[in-house]
């Protein structure tokens, strides 16, 4: 393992047992939320995790931080497997990782002031004593662009953007090395979203943080992230450097997502082949590639073959038509059935 790799997730799966019918007949079924996912995050690197709702992004993020149980797999933090960590090992994971949640109001206790919410974290993790807590809280608030005068206010007295900044300050209070940001701007106004994205970019560079940024908005992911991983029904179907994925998407699902990014330009028409239908149920996944029932490029082989991630260098895709795939060993790109012209896009946040 490279010394620069901070987090190395290998073959992680998360399944949820489902209750039987009222009659109690038949075997107990399970819902596969995350299936055999591997992902690495280097120190100082930001990875965007994108996909439709229900693709397993949040479940994956919570599982690697042990905020939710995982069924199998390994989660290496600095080379130490945290998948089954207990005691002091789990305490270390809590000290070195943090999560920023989607709901800026729901993630804060409405009864606690800003001082109490951040001070509680400092106390639990031994980051500051009673005398030094106020100075440290002031420093954290200034770090996220807030005035220390807000220290004695409660969440109900603050805006959504201010609450989210406090959530970020609380996450930074433990001085983490890895942050998972789960849809942390989805509930905010567009102008506030841009401010939070700029803040995360600045903090990532200043503090050399590893970050997994979970989002639906591909424009934001393109602005913030060094690499991108695309999930569909619990699996990563494409992974690579952000500009390479946007410039040369190798999985039909990725192409459809990029094509669906809204444009301000009225001269640009609607997608020539928009993504059709809804994802299948994760309880009853189709055989072969799970995307093939919606794929405009599907072949007969797609219903029988579950393709692995293949490709040259760091850009890989799980498609038999992708470069290196079973039906495209010559290395040609996917047929240009879905036109994508990302180089003409102007992404603003």
Protein backbone atom coordinates (compact mmCIF):
# COMPACT_ATOMS: atom_id res chain seq x y z
CA UNK A 1 0.00 0.00 0.00
CA UNK A 2 1.31 3.43 -0.89
CA UNK A 3 2.32 5.60 2.06
CA UNK A 4 0.15 8.40 0.68
CA UNK A 5 -3.03 6.29 0.88
CA UNK A 6 -5.06 7.36 3.89
CA UNK A 7 -8.15 5.17 3.43
CA UNK A 8 -8.26 1.87 1.56
CA UNK A 9 -11.67 0.20 1.38
CA UNK A 10 -11.65 -3.33 -0.03
CA UNK A 11 -14.68 -5.35 -1.16
CA UNK A 12 -17.08 -3.70 1.27
CA UNK A 13 -20.66 -4.96 1.28
CA UNK A 14 -23.67 -3.93 3.34
CA UNK A 15 -26.85 -6.01 3.46
CA UNK A 16 -30.02 -5.45 5.45
CA UNK A 17 -32.16 -8.40 6.50
CA UNK A 18 -35.82 -8.09 5.57
CA UNK A 19 -38.73 -9.39 7.58
CA UNK A 20 -40.72 -12.38 6.35
CA UNK A 21 -44.31 -12.10 5.20
CA UNK A 22 -47.10 -12.11 7.77
CA UNK A 23 -47.52 -15.82 7.20
CA UNK A 24 -43.84 -16.39 7.96
CA UNK A 25 -43.41 -18.38 4.76
CA UNK A 26 -40.32 -18.59 2.55
CA UNK A 27 -36.69 -17.83 3.28
CA UNK A 28 -35.65 -14.54 4.82
CA UNK A 29 -34.54 -12.14 2.09
CA UNK A 30 -31.93 -9.41 2.28
CA UNK A 31 -31.50 -6.03 0.63
CA UNK A 32 -28.05 -5.47 -0.86
CA UNK A 33 -27.31 -1.77 -0.31
CA UNK A 34 -23.59 -1.90 -1.10
CA UNK A 35 -21.97 -4.72 -3.07
CA UNK A 36 -18.25 -5.45 -3.15
CA UNK A 37 -17.08 -1.82 -3.32
CA UNK A 38 -13.38 -0.91 -3.21
CA UNK A 39 -12.12 2.67 -3.01
CA UNK A 40 -8.92 4.45 -1.99
CA UNK A 41 -8.53 8.01 -0.69
CA UNK A 42 -5.12 9.66 -0.47
CA UNK A 43 -4.21 12.27 2.10
CA UNK A 44 -5.28 15.68 0.79
CA UNK A 45 -7.49 14.16 -1.93
CA UNK A 46 -11.20 14.79 -2.46
CA UNK A 47 -13.27 12.06 -4.09
CA UNK A 48 -16.79 12.68 -5.33
CA UNK A 49 -19.29 9.85 -4.89
CA UNK A 50 -22.29 10.34 -7.18
CA UNK A 51 -25.36 8.45 -8.32
CA UNK A 52 -29.14 8.45 -8.11
CA UNK A 53 -30.99 8.24 -4.80
CA UNK A 54 -30.87 4.69 -3.49
CA UNK A 55 -27.54 3.86 -5.10
CA UNK A 56 -25.87 3.20 -1.72
CA UNK A 57 -23.72 6.32 -1.41
CA UNK A 58 -24.74 7.32 2.12
CA UNK A 59 -24.77 3.72 3.35
CA UNK A 60 -21.22 3.31 2.08
CA UNK A 61 -20.09 6.54 3.73
CA UNK A 62 -21.58 5.60 7.09
CA UNK A 63 -20.20 2.06 6.92
CA UNK A 64 -16.57 3.12 6.42
CA UNK A 65 -16.83 5.39 9.48
CA UNK A 66 -18.54 2.57 11.43
CA UNK A 67 -21.66 4.67 11.92
CA UNK A 68 -23.51 1.74 10.40
CA UNK A 69 -22.69 -1.95 10.31
CA UNK A 70 -21.03 -3.60 7.33
CA UNK A 71 -21.62 -7.18 6.23
CA UNK A 72 -18.14 -7.91 4.91
CA UNK A 73 -15.03 -6.23 3.62
CA UNK A 74 -12.02 -4.36 4.97
CA UNK A 75 -11.57 -0.68 5.84
CA UNK A 76 -7.89 0.21 6.21
CA UNK A 77 -7.01 3.50 7.85
CA UNK A 78 -3.24 4.00 7.65
CA UNK A 79 -2.90 0.29 7.00
CA UNK A 80 -4.95 -0.82 10.01
CA UNK A 81 -8.23 -2.65 9.35
CA UNK A 82 -11.08 -0.86 11.12
CA UNK A 83 -13.90 -3.05 9.79
CA UNK A 84 -14.19 -4.98 13.05
CA UNK A 85 -12.42 -2.48 15.32
CA UNK A 86 -13.32 -2.39 18.98
CA UNK A 87 -12.14 -0.50 22.03
CA UNK A 88 -9.12 1.73 21.48
CA UNK A 89 -8.97 1.00 17.74
CA UNK A 90 -12.56 2.20 17.31
CA UNK A 91 -11.80 5.23 19.47
CA UNK A 92 -8.91 6.07 17.14
CA UNK A 93 -11.24 5.87 14.14
CA UNK A 94 -13.59 8.29 15.91
CA UNK A 95 -10.69 10.68 16.59
CA UNK A 96 -9.36 10.71 13.03
CA UNK A 97 -12.55 10.73 10.97
CA UNK A 98 -15.69 12.87 10.93
CA UNK A 99 -18.95 13.22 9.03
CA UNK A 100 -20.82 16.30 7.83
CA UNK A 101 -24.52 15.51 7.54
CA UNK A 102 -27.11 16.63 5.01
CA UNK A 103 -29.61 18.39 7.28
CA UNK A 104 -27.92 21.43 8.86
CA UNK A 105 -30.68 21.80 11.46
CA UNK A 106 -31.32 18.15 12.22
CA UNK A 107 -27.62 17.42 12.84
CA UNK A 108 -27.47 19.94 15.71
CA UNK A 109 -29.16 19.60 19.10
CA UNK A 110 -31.71 22.46 19.18
CA UNK A 111 -31.25 22.86 22.94
CA UNK A 112 -27.50 23.40 22.81
CA UNK A 113 -25.81 26.68 22.01
CA UNK A 114 -23.02 26.78 19.45
CA UNK A 115 -20.52 26.93 22.31
CA UNK A 116 -22.02 23.82 23.93
CA UNK A 117 -22.30 21.84 20.67
CA UNK A 118 -18.64 22.34 19.73
CA UNK A 119 -17.40 22.33 23.33
CA UNK A 120 -18.95 18.89 23.88
CA UNK A 121 -16.83 17.46 21.05
CA UNK A 122 -13.68 19.12 22.41
CA UNK A 123 -14.37 17.70 25.87
CA UNK A 124 -15.18 14.13 24.77
CA UNK A 125 -12.05 13.87 22.61
CA UNK A 126 -9.79 15.74 25.01
CA UNK A 127 -8.93 18.47 22.51
CA UNK A 128 -9.21 21.37 24.96
CA UNK A 129 -9.67 21.86 28.70
CA UNK A 130 -12.28 24.13 30.25
CA UNK A 131 -9.97 27.14 30.20
CA UNK A 132 -8.92 26.70 26.56
CA UNK A 133 -12.32 25.70 25.12
CA UNK A 134 -13.57 29.23 24.42
CA UNK A 135 -10.43 30.21 22.53
CA UNK A 136 -10.55 26.99 20.48
CA UNK A 137 -14.26 27.43 19.66
CA UNK A 138 -13.56 31.01 18.54
CA UNK A 139 -10.74 29.73 16.33
CA UNK A 140 -12.97 27.06 14.76
CA UNK A 141 -15.79 29.54 14.07
CA UNK A 142 -13.36 31.94 12.41
CA UNK A 143 -11.97 29.03 10.36
CA UNK A 144 -15.41 28.43 8.83
CA UNK A 145 -16.13 32.13 8.33
CA UNK A 146 -18.39 32.80 11.33
CA UNK A 147 -18.22 35.50 13.99
CA UNK A 148 -17.54 34.44 17.56
CA UNK A 149 -20.57 36.54 18.57
CA UNK A 150 -22.74 33.60 17.42
CA UNK A 151 -21.27 31.39 20.12
CA UNK A 152 -24.20 31.66 22.53
CA UNK A 153 -26.96 31.25 19.95
CA UNK A 154 -28.96 28.10 19.31
CA UNK A 155 -29.67 26.50 15.89
CA UNK A 156 -33.16 28.02 15.77
CA UNK A 157 -31.61 31.50 15.79
CA UNK A 158 -29.35 30.78 12.80
CA UNK A 159 -29.73 30.33 9.04
CA UNK A 160 -29.24 27.03 7.27
CA UNK A 161 -25.87 28.14 5.92
CA UNK A 162 -24.69 29.18 9.38
CA UNK A 163 -25.83 25.86 10.86
CA UNK A 164 -23.96 23.93 8.18
CA UNK A 165 -20.80 25.93 8.86
CA UNK A 166 -21.18 25.08 12.54
CA UNK A 167 -21.54 21.42 11.55
CA UNK A 168 -18.27 21.73 9.63
CA UNK A 169 -16.60 23.47 12.59
CA UNK A 170 -17.79 20.68 14.88
CA UNK A 171 -16.36 18.09 12.50
CA UNK A 172 -13.03 19.95 12.40
CA UNK A 173 -12.91 20.18 16.21
CA UNK A 174 -11.43 16.69 16.48
CA UNK A 175 -8.75 17.60 13.92
CA UNK A 176 -9.73 14.75 11.57
CA UNK A 177 -7.66 13.39 8.73
CA UNK A 178 -10.69 12.13 6.79
CA UNK A 179 -14.13 13.74 6.35
CA UNK A 180 -17.21 12.22 4.74
CA UNK A 181 -19.55 15.00 3.57
CA UNK A 182 -22.96 13.44 2.93
CA UNK A 183 -25.05 15.72 0.69
CA UNK A 184 -23.92 18.55 2.95
CA UNK A 185 -25.16 21.34 0.64
CA UNK A 186 -28.34 19.74 -0.72
CA UNK A 187 -30.66 21.56 1.73
CA UNK A 188 -29.12 25.00 1.16
CA UNK A 189 -29.84 27.84 -1.26
CA UNK A 190 -27.71 27.88 -4.41
CA UNK A 191 -25.69 30.94 -3.34
CA UNK A 192 -24.97 29.35 0.06
CA UNK A 193 -24.02 26.07 -1.64
CA UNK A 194 -21.27 27.87 -3.53
CA UNK A 195 -19.93 29.39 -0.31
CA UNK A 196 -19.81 26.01 1.44
CA UNK A 197 -18.09 24.39 -1.56
CA UNK A 198 -15.46 27.14 -1.61
CA UNK A 199 -14.99 26.69 2.14
CA UNK A 200 -14.47 22.92 1.78
CA UNK A 201 -11.95 23.47 -1.02
CA UNK A 202 -10.01 25.93 1.11
CA UNK A 203 -10.07 23.71 4.21
CA UNK A 204 -9.03 20.64 2.23
CA UNK A 205 -5.97 22.42 0.87
CA UNK A 206 -5.06 24.15 4.12
CA UNK A 207 -5.44 21.10 6.39
CA UNK A 208 -4.47 18.38 3.86
CA UNK A 209 -7.74 16.56 4.51
CA UNK A 210 -8.86 13.43 2.76
CA UNK A 211 -12.52 13.87 1.81
CA UNK A 212 -15.36 11.82 0.36
CA UNK A 213 -17.97 14.22 -1.03
CA UNK A 214 -21.34 12.51 -1.56
CA UNK A 215 -23.62 14.44 -3.91
CA UNK A 216 -26.19 14.43 -6.70
CA UNK A 217 -24.94 17.65 -8.28
CA UNK A 218 -22.26 16.77 -10.82
CA UNK A 219 -21.38 20.43 -11.42
CA UNK A 220 -20.36 20.79 -7.78
CA UNK A 221 -18.46 17.53 -7.85
CA UNK A 222 -16.54 18.70 -10.92
CA UNK A 223 -15.57 21.92 -9.15
CA UNK A 224 -14.54 20.37 -5.83
CA UNK A 225 -13.24 16.86 -6.44
CA UNK A 226 -9.96 15.41 -7.71
CA UNK A 227 -11.50 12.06 -8.58
CA UNK A 228 -15.02 10.80 -9.07
CA UNK A 229 -16.67 7.44 -8.40
CA UNK A 230 -20.10 6.73 -9.90
CA UNK A 231 -22.38 4.31 -8.02
CA UNK A 232 -25.38 2.44 -9.37
CA UNK A 233 -27.40 0.04 -7.23
CA UNK A 234 -24.64 -0.49 -4.68
CA UNK A 235 -21.71 -0.87 -7.09
CA UNK A 236 -19.12 1.51 -8.48
CA UNK A 237 -19.59 1.48 -12.25
CA UNK A 238 -16.94 4.08 -13.13
CA UNK A 239 -14.02 5.69 -11.33
CA UNK A 240 -11.30 8.06 -12.46
CA UNK A 241 -9.85 11.59 -12.40
CA UNK A 242 -12.70 14.07 -12.53
CA UNK A 243 -11.81 15.76 -15.82
CA UNK A 244 -11.14 12.42 -17.51
CA UNK A 245 -14.54 11.07 -16.44
CA UNK A 246 -16.32 14.23 -17.61
CA UNK A 247 -14.31 14.43 -20.83
CA UNK A 248 -14.51 10.73 -21.72
CA UNK A 249 -17.26 8.91 -19.76
CA UNK A 250 -16.85 5.19 -20.35
CA UNK A 251 -20.03 3.83 -18.79
CA UNK A 252 -23.45 4.58 -20.33
CA UNK A 253 -24.84 5.46 -16.89
CA UNK A 254 -22.12 8.07 -16.33
CA UNK A 255 -22.82 9.52 -19.78
CA UNK A 256 -26.49 9.83 -18.98
CA UNK A 257 -25.78 11.60 -15.69
CA UNK A 258 -23.42 14.08 -17.35
CA UNK A 259 -25.88 14.70 -20.17
CA UNK A 260 -28.58 15.48 -17.59
CA UNK A 261 -26.58 18.32 -16.00
CA UNK A 262 -28.74 21.43 -16.59
CA UNK A 263 -27.39 24.15 -18.85
CA UNK A 264 -28.18 27.86 -18.88
CA UNK A 265 -27.43 28.13 -22.61
CA UNK A 266 -30.82 28.19 -24.44
CA UNK A 267 -29.12 27.18 -27.69
CA UNK A 268 -28.20 23.81 -26.26
CA UNK A 269 -30.94 21.26 -26.82
CA UNK A 270 -32.22 18.53 -24.56
CA UNK A 271 -30.32 15.21 -24.32
CA UNK A 272 -30.61 13.12 -27.46
CA UNK A 273 -31.13 9.94 -25.44
CA UNK A 274 -32.20 10.78 -21.87
CA UNK A 275 -31.99 8.05 -19.24
CA UNK A 276 -35.25 6.10 -19.18
CA UNK A 277 -37.05 4.23 -16.41
CA UNK A 278 -36.30 3.70 -12.74
CA UNK A 279 -33.58 1.62 -11.07
CA UNK A 280 -34.61 -1.98 -10.32
CA UNK A 281 -35.35 -3.01 -6.75
CA UNK A 282 -32.17 -3.79 -4.77
CA UNK A 283 -34.08 -6.74 -3.32
CA UNK A 284 -34.39 -8.35 -6.75
CA UNK A 285 -31.47 -7.20 -8.90
CA UNK A 286 -31.38 -8.26 -12.56
CA UNK A 287 -28.79 -10.81 -13.60
CA UNK A 288 -25.62 -9.60 -15.23
CA UNK A 289 -25.06 -5.86 -15.33
CA UNK A 290 -27.74 -4.25 -13.16
CA UNK A 291 -27.92 -1.25 -15.52
CA UNK A 292 -28.74 -3.24 -18.66
CA UNK A 293 -32.59 -2.87 -18.42
CA UNK A 294 -32.14 0.94 -18.83
CA UNK A 295 -29.02 1.00 -20.97
CA UNK A 296 -29.33 2.39 -24.52
CA UNK A 297 -26.26 0.37 -25.56
CA UNK A 298 -27.25 -2.96 -23.97
CA UNK A 299 -26.24 -6.18 -25.72
CA UNK A 300 -27.45 -9.72 -25.09
CA UNK A 301 -24.25 -10.41 -23.15
CA UNK A 302 -25.12 -7.66 -20.63
CA UNK A 303 -27.86 -9.78 -19.06
CA UNK A 304 -25.40 -12.60 -18.37
CA UNK A 305 -22.10 -10.88 -17.50
CA UNK A 306 -21.40 -8.85 -14.36
CA UNK A 307 -18.45 -6.78 -15.62
CA UNK A 308 -15.59 -5.83 -13.29
CA UNK A 309 -13.98 -2.39 -13.27
CA UNK A 310 -11.46 -2.41 -16.12
CA UNK A 311 -9.40 0.20 -17.90
CA UNK A 312 -5.99 1.70 -18.33
CA UNK A 313 -4.31 3.65 -15.53
CA UNK A 314 -6.66 5.22 -12.98
CA UNK A 315 -9.77 5.50 -15.20
CA UNK A 316 -11.90 2.36 -15.02
CA UNK A 317 -15.45 1.40 -15.91
CA UNK A 318 -17.59 -1.68 -15.28
CA UNK A 319 -18.91 -2.17 -18.82
CA UNK A 320 -18.20 -4.85 -21.42
CA UNK A 321 -18.05 -2.08 -24.07
CA UNK A 322 -15.56 0.09 -22.19
CA UNK A 323 -11.85 0.09 -23.16
CA UNK A 324 -10.49 -3.22 -21.90
CA UNK A 325 -13.97 -4.67 -21.50
CA UNK A 326 -14.94 -8.13 -22.71
CA UNK A 327 -16.41 -6.85 -26.00
CA UNK A 328 -13.93 -4.02 -26.48
CA UNK A 329 -10.49 -5.46 -25.88
CA UNK A 330 -9.06 -3.37 -28.70
CA UNK A 331 -9.44 -0.32 -26.45
CA UNK A 332 -11.91 1.68 -28.55
CA UNK A 333 -14.27 4.00 -26.72
CA UNK A 334 -17.95 3.30 -26.29
CA UNK A 335 -20.09 3.98 -29.36
CA UNK A 336 -21.10 7.64 -29.35
CA UNK A 337 -24.80 6.85 -29.14
CA UNK A 338 -25.19 9.38 -26.33
CA UNK A 339 -23.52 12.62 -27.47
CA UNK A 340 -21.57 14.33 -24.71
CA UNK A 341 -19.63 17.56 -25.16
CA UNK A 342 -18.31 18.34 -21.66
CA UNK A 343 -15.51 20.51 -22.98
CA UNK A 344 -18.12 23.06 -24.04
CA UNK A 345 -19.62 23.28 -20.57
CA UNK A 346 -19.03 26.17 -18.23
CA UNK A 347 -19.53 24.87 -14.72
CA UNK A 348 -20.29 27.58 -12.19
CA UNK A 349 -21.06 27.08 -8.54
